[in-house]
């Protein structure tokens, strides 16, 4: 079940999606974190953030809308207080970063490069933050430029997390790869909105938020498949993965690893169940190496 992402070997392809697993402490009370391939931690910013005003979460028929706004203790607190805890486990540590400027991304990459983490995931696509994020992730030129700039300061493998809120995901992915991305992850949430018909006001205080969950899975699978056709770097697929069968689907589309998101909110053991479901699929089909299914979809 071992898999290699940009030179880093993971015990298996199952990773937690940023923003759904905190820093792993609470979930560590439910299962052994050593069983995960990787832990992608809560999104970090250069300085601590309080996040957006509540309500910040709205349930939808097949997922959730969120506008948490990157509430976090800041990258330096993470390095000092959370990395030592996470380092106790064999799961690889992936630090997810967001910034308002290119300079902030570069500074965070520099700080994290000197810490004991394994990979950096650069979020250039968070749709629920009013400053930054969207502008970087929706234009091929800016994606290429920010990737090039951050790479100058990044000594760890750099994963660029793409926004689905674009017209041509292949163009954006290629821009990231050409800019020096060591891996690509997708998809982030889709911009959505929910309205309370009684108050006639948006449910979220931020008016709009990011939609994730099973509702977005077909879009995510399609985008992973499209991106896999134009890039050579590894892909981490995510978007509505609830079961092992979902993980298989993403890997057949071209993902080398998968990230489990809001399923963690439904069931704290979701990641383990996804891993066991993936193992069961391989066993039933007499497949001895998980890498054998990557990109093996047979289009009609």
Protein backbone atom coordinates (compact mmCIF):
# COMPACT_ATOMS: atom_id res chain seq x y z
CA UNK A 1 0.00 0.00 0.00
CA UNK A 2 3.04 2.29 0.07
CA UNK A 3 2.92 5.25 -2.28
CA UNK A 4 5.43 7.92 -3.26
CA UNK A 5 4.45 11.57 -3.48
CA UNK A 6 7.19 13.88 -4.73
CA UNK A 7 9.95 11.75 -3.20
CA UNK A 8 8.16 11.20 0.12
CA UNK A 9 7.02 7.65 0.83
CA UNK A 10 3.64 7.28 2.52
CA UNK A 11 2.55 4.08 4.28
CA UNK A 12 -0.62 4.12 2.21
CA UNK A 13 -2.53 6.55 -0.07
CA UNK A 14 -5.03 7.80 2.55
CA UNK A 15 -4.48 11.37 3.79
CA UNK A 16 -6.70 13.65 5.83
CA UNK A 17 -7.99 16.73 4.01
CA UNK A 18 -6.98 20.07 5.44
CA UNK A 19 -9.60 21.75 7.58
CA UNK A 20 -11.36 18.54 8.55
CA UNK A 21 -8.88 16.96 10.94
CA UNK A 22 -7.51 19.82 13.02
CA UNK A 23 -3.99 18.86 14.05
CA UNK A 24 -4.99 15.26 14.68
CA UNK A 25 -5.16 15.39 18.47
CA UNK A 26 -8.91 14.75 18.79
CA UNK A 27 -8.97 11.98 16.18
CA UNK A 28 -6.00 10.33 17.88
CA UNK A 29 -8.41 9.45 20.68
CA UNK A 30 -10.40 7.28 18.25
CA UNK A 31 -7.68 5.43 16.31
CA UNK A 32 -3.94 5.00 15.89
CA UNK A 33 -2.72 7.86 13.70
CA UNK A 34 0.13 5.62 12.50
CA UNK A 35 -2.42 3.95 10.23
CA UNK A 36 -2.73 7.06 8.04
CA UNK A 37 -0.58 7.71 5.01
CA UNK A 38 -0.48 11.41 5.79
CA UNK A 39 -2.03 14.11 7.92
CA UNK A 40 -2.75 17.38 6.15
CA UNK A 41 -3.33 19.80 8.97
CA UNK A 42 -5.70 22.71 9.37
CA UNK A 43 -4.95 25.61 7.04
CA UNK A 44 -2.23 27.89 8.39
CA UNK A 45 -1.67 31.59 7.94
CA UNK A 46 1.36 33.70 8.78
CA UNK A 47 -0.33 35.16 11.86
CA UNK A 48 -3.21 33.77 13.95
CA UNK A 49 -6.73 34.24 12.55
CA UNK A 50 -10.05 34.31 14.35
CA UNK A 51 -11.91 33.31 11.20
CA UNK A 52 -15.26 34.55 9.94
CA UNK A 53 -18.31 35.43 12.04
CA UNK A 54 -20.85 32.64 12.70
CA UNK A 55 -22.89 31.03 11.28
CA UNK A 56 -19.96 29.44 9.46
CA UNK A 57 -21.44 26.04 8.55
CA UNK A 58 -24.63 25.17 6.67
CA UNK A 59 -25.73 21.62 5.97
CA UNK A 60 -26.84 20.83 2.41
CA UNK A 61 -28.62 17.73 1.02
CA UNK A 62 -25.31 16.04 0.13
CA UNK A 63 -22.56 17.93 1.89
CA UNK A 64 -21.87 21.16 3.73
CA UNK A 65 -21.20 24.79 3.00
CA UNK A 66 -18.49 26.34 5.12
CA UNK A 67 -17.08 29.80 5.61
CA UNK A 68 -14.82 29.20 8.59
CA UNK A 69 -12.32 31.68 7.24
CA UNK A 70 -9.13 29.85 8.15
CA UNK A 71 -9.35 30.14 11.92
CA UNK A 72 -5.93 28.95 13.08
CA UNK A 73 -3.14 29.73 15.60
CA UNK A 74 -0.59 30.78 12.98
CA UNK A 75 2.34 28.98 11.38
CA UNK A 76 4.87 29.64 14.15
CA UNK A 77 2.56 28.22 16.85
CA UNK A 78 2.05 25.17 14.64
CA UNK A 79 5.78 24.58 14.31
CA UNK A 80 6.39 24.98 18.02
CA UNK A 81 3.39 23.20 19.52
CA UNK A 82 1.81 20.84 16.96
CA UNK A 83 4.70 19.45 14.90
CA UNK A 84 6.32 17.69 17.93
CA UNK A 85 2.99 15.95 18.63
CA UNK A 86 2.50 14.88 15.01
CA UNK A 87 6.11 13.71 14.70
CA UNK A 88 5.38 10.89 17.13
CA UNK A 89 3.56 9.08 14.32
CA UNK A 90 4.67 7.55 11.03
CA UNK A 91 2.00 9.43 9.04
CA UNK A 92 3.67 12.10 6.93
CA UNK A 93 3.00 15.69 8.01
CA UNK A 94 1.58 18.01 5.36
CA UNK A 95 1.34 21.69 6.28
CA UNK A 96 -1.40 23.55 4.41
CA UNK A 97 -0.70 27.28 3.93
CA UNK A 98 -2.80 30.26 2.83
CA UNK A 99 -1.72 33.85 2.36
CA UNK A 100 -3.02 37.25 1.34
CA UNK A 101 0.10 38.08 -0.65
CA UNK A 102 2.82 36.19 -2.51
CA UNK A 103 5.25 37.42 0.14
CA UNK A 104 3.21 35.80 2.93
CA UNK A 105 3.24 32.47 1.11
CA UNK A 106 7.02 32.76 0.64
CA UNK A 107 7.60 33.59 4.30
CA UNK A 108 5.52 30.64 5.47
CA UNK A 109 7.30 28.29 3.06
CA UNK A 110 10.63 29.49 4.44
CA UNK A 111 9.55 28.99 8.07
CA UNK A 112 8.14 25.53 7.39
CA UNK A 113 11.17 24.47 5.36
CA UNK A 114 13.23 24.72 8.54
CA UNK A 115 10.73 22.65 10.53
CA UNK A 116 10.28 18.90 10.89
CA UNK A 117 7.43 18.46 8.43
CA UNK A 118 7.37 16.43 5.21
CA UNK A 119 5.43 18.35 2.58
CA UNK A 120 3.80 21.75 2.09
CA UNK A 121 0.38 22.13 0.46
CA UNK A 122 -0.16 25.64 -0.90
CA UNK A 123 -3.84 26.58 -0.84
CA UNK A 124 -4.38 29.17 -3.56
CA UNK A 125 -8.07 28.57 -3.80
CA UNK A 126 -9.99 29.03 -0.57
CA UNK A 127 -13.31 30.58 -1.68
CA UNK A 128 -14.54 31.56 1.76
CA UNK A 129 -11.81 34.05 2.61
CA UNK A 130 -12.47 37.56 1.44
CA UNK A 131 -8.83 38.49 1.01
CA UNK A 132 -6.51 36.46 -1.14
CA UNK A 133 -6.98 32.87 -2.25
CA UNK A 134 -9.39 33.09 -5.14
CA UNK A 135 -7.39 35.59 -7.17
CA UNK A 136 -4.31 33.36 -7.09
CA UNK A 137 -6.08 30.14 -8.01
CA UNK A 138 -8.29 31.20 -10.88
CA UNK A 139 -5.75 32.57 -13.35
CA UNK A 140 -3.06 30.46 -15.01
CA UNK A 141 -0.57 33.33 -15.01
CA UNK A 142 -0.89 34.02 -11.30
CA UNK A 143 -0.81 30.30 -10.48
CA UNK A 144 2.44 29.95 -12.40
CA UNK A 145 3.95 33.05 -10.84
CA UNK A 146 3.09 32.26 -7.21
CA UNK A 147 4.34 28.69 -7.63
CA UNK A 148 7.64 29.92 -9.03
CA UNK A 149 8.06 32.49 -6.27
CA UNK A 150 7.22 30.12 -3.41
CA UNK A 151 9.50 27.42 -4.81
CA UNK A 152 12.45 29.76 -4.27
CA UNK A 153 11.85 29.56 -0.52
CA UNK A 154 10.43 26.06 -0.24
CA UNK A 155 12.90 23.29 0.63
CA UNK A 156 10.13 20.74 1.11
CA UNK A 157 8.12 19.16 -1.72
CA UNK A 158 5.44 21.66 -2.74
CA UNK A 159 1.87 20.54 -3.43
CA UNK A 160 -0.31 23.14 -5.14
CA UNK A 161 -4.01 22.81 -4.24
CA UNK A 162 -6.23 23.87 -7.11
CA UNK A 163 -9.58 25.62 -7.18
CA UNK A 164 -12.44 24.00 -9.11
CA UNK A 165 -13.94 27.45 -9.68
CA UNK A 166 -12.22 27.84 -13.05
CA UNK A 167 -13.14 27.35 -16.68
CA UNK A 168 -10.25 25.04 -17.63
CA UNK A 169 -8.71 23.01 -14.80
CA UNK A 170 -6.11 21.52 -17.17
CA UNK A 171 -4.69 24.95 -17.98
CA UNK A 172 -4.40 25.81 -14.28
CA UNK A 173 -2.81 22.48 -13.40
CA UNK A 174 -0.25 22.79 -16.19
CA UNK A 175 0.59 26.31 -15.02
CA UNK A 176 1.29 24.97 -11.54
CA UNK A 177 3.44 22.15 -12.88
CA UNK A 178 5.37 24.50 -15.15
CA UNK A 179 5.89 26.80 -12.15
CA UNK A 180 7.64 23.99 -10.29
CA UNK A 181 4.91 22.23 -8.32
CA UNK A 182 6.10 18.84 -7.08
CA UNK A 183 2.53 17.56 -6.80
CA UNK A 184 -1.01 18.80 -7.31
CA UNK A 185 -4.06 18.34 -5.12
CA UNK A 186 -7.67 18.90 -6.14
CA UNK A 187 -10.39 19.80 -5.72
CA UNK A 188 -10.93 22.50 -3.16
CA UNK A 189 -14.54 23.45 -2.43
CA UNK A 190 -16.96 24.91 -4.95
CA UNK A 191 -18.36 28.34 -4.22
CA UNK A 192 -21.96 28.01 -3.02
CA UNK A 193 -24.77 29.77 -1.19
CA UNK A 194 -27.77 28.83 0.95
CA UNK A 195 -30.68 31.14 1.86
CA UNK A 196 -33.06 31.00 4.82
CA UNK A 197 -36.42 31.51 3.12
CA UNK A 198 -38.04 32.80 6.31
CA UNK A 199 -35.54 35.56 7.05
CA UNK A 200 -34.69 35.93 3.35
CA UNK A 201 -31.07 36.23 4.36
CA UNK A 202 -28.09 34.00 3.49
CA UNK A 203 -27.51 31.35 6.16
CA UNK A 204 -23.78 31.96 6.28
CA UNK A 205 -22.64 35.25 7.80
CA UNK A 206 -20.15 35.46 4.93
CA UNK A 207 -23.08 35.06 2.48
CA UNK A 208 -21.19 32.48 0.40
CA UNK A 209 -19.01 29.53 1.29
CA UNK A 210 -17.28 26.43 0.01
CA UNK A 211 -19.39 23.39 -0.87
CA UNK A 212 -17.88 19.99 -0.16
CA UNK A 213 -19.10 16.45 0.33
CA UNK A 214 -20.64 13.76 -1.87
CA UNK A 215 -22.38 16.40 -4.02
CA UNK A 216 -19.05 17.50 -5.51
CA UNK A 217 -17.52 14.05 -6.02
CA UNK A 218 -18.39 13.59 -9.72
CA UNK A 219 -16.91 17.02 -10.47
CA UNK A 220 -13.76 16.16 -8.53
CA UNK A 221 -13.32 12.81 -10.26
CA UNK A 222 -13.76 14.48 -13.65
CA UNK A 223 -11.18 17.14 -12.82
CA UNK A 224 -8.64 14.62 -11.51
CA UNK A 225 -9.04 12.64 -14.72
CA UNK A 226 -8.59 15.75 -16.85
CA UNK A 227 -5.55 16.96 -14.90
CA UNK A 228 -3.95 13.51 -15.02
CA UNK A 229 -4.00 13.76 -18.81
CA UNK A 230 -1.79 16.86 -18.87
CA UNK A 231 0.63 16.68 -15.91
CA UNK A 232 3.39 14.28 -14.91
CA UNK A 233 3.56 15.15 -11.21
CA UNK A 234 1.59 13.09 -8.67
CA UNK A 235 -2.03 14.05 -7.96
CA UNK A 236 -3.80 13.92 -4.61
CA UNK A 237 -7.53 13.62 -5.28
CA UNK A 238 -10.26 14.78 -2.95
CA UNK A 239 -13.89 15.84 -2.93
CA UNK A 240 -16.64 13.82 -1.29
CA UNK A 241 -14.67 10.66 -0.54
CA UNK A 242 -16.79 8.71 1.94
CA UNK A 243 -15.83 5.07 1.24
CA UNK A 244 -13.06 2.86 -0.05
CA UNK A 245 -14.93 2.58 -3.33
CA UNK A 246 -14.79 6.37 -3.68
CA UNK A 247 -11.03 6.25 -3.15
CA UNK A 248 -10.68 3.58 -5.84
CA UNK A 249 -12.64 5.77 -8.24
CA UNK A 250 -10.28 8.72 -7.70
CA UNK A 251 -7.21 6.53 -8.15
CA UNK A 252 -8.54 4.98 -11.35
CA UNK A 253 -9.05 8.55 -12.59
CA UNK A 254 -5.38 9.26 -11.98
CA UNK A 255 -4.83 10.16 -8.32
CA UNK A 256 -1.80 8.64 -6.58
CA UNK A 257 -3.30 9.39 -3.17
CA UNK A 258 -6.63 10.53 -1.78
CA UNK A 259 -7.67 12.95 0.94
CA UNK A 260 -10.71 12.34 3.13
CA UNK A 261 -12.59 15.47 4.19
CA UNK A 262 -16.04 15.93 5.64
CA UNK A 263 -16.48 12.18 6.06
CA UNK A 264 -14.40 12.77 9.20
CA UNK A 265 -17.25 14.89 10.56
CA UNK A 266 -19.77 12.12 9.92
CA UNK A 267 -17.61 9.32 11.32
CA UNK A 268 -14.30 9.89 13.14
CA UNK A 269 -13.17 6.49 11.85
CA UNK A 270 -13.87 7.44 8.22
CA UNK A 271 -10.22 7.50 7.14
CA UNK A 272 -9.63 4.01 8.51
CA UNK A 273 -12.78 2.71 6.84
CA UNK A 274 -11.71 4.25 3.52
CA UNK A 275 -8.30 2.58 3.90
CA UNK A 276 -9.86 -0.79 4.72
CA UNK A 277 -12.28 -0.44 1.81
CA UNK A 278 -9.40 0.26 -0.54
CA UNK A 279 -7.50 -2.75 0.80
CA UNK A 280 -10.60 -4.91 0.36
CA UNK A 281 -10.98 -3.84 -3.28
CA UNK A 282 -7.37 -4.74 -4.03
CA UNK A 283 -7.73 -8.12 -2.31
CA UNK A 284 -10.94 -8.99 -4.17
CA UNK A 285 -9.33 -8.15 -7.49
CA UNK A 286 -6.04 -9.90 -6.75
CA UNK A 287 -4.09 -6.65 -7.01
CA UNK A 288 -0.93 -6.73 -4.92
CA UNK A 289 0.31 -3.16 -5.44
CA UNK A 290 -2.04 -0.19 -5.09
CA UNK A 291 -0.03 1.68 -7.74
CA UNK A 292 -1.45 -0.74 -10.32
CA UNK A 293 -4.82 1.02 -10.29
CA UNK A 294 -3.56 4.62 -10.70
CA UNK A 295 -4.95 6.10 -13.91
CA UNK A 296 -6.33 2.77 -15.10
CA UNK A 297 -9.80 4.01 -16.00
CA UNK A 298 -10.78 2.85 -19.48
CA UNK A 299 -12.75 5.68 -21.15
CA UNK A 300 -15.65 4.67 -23.38
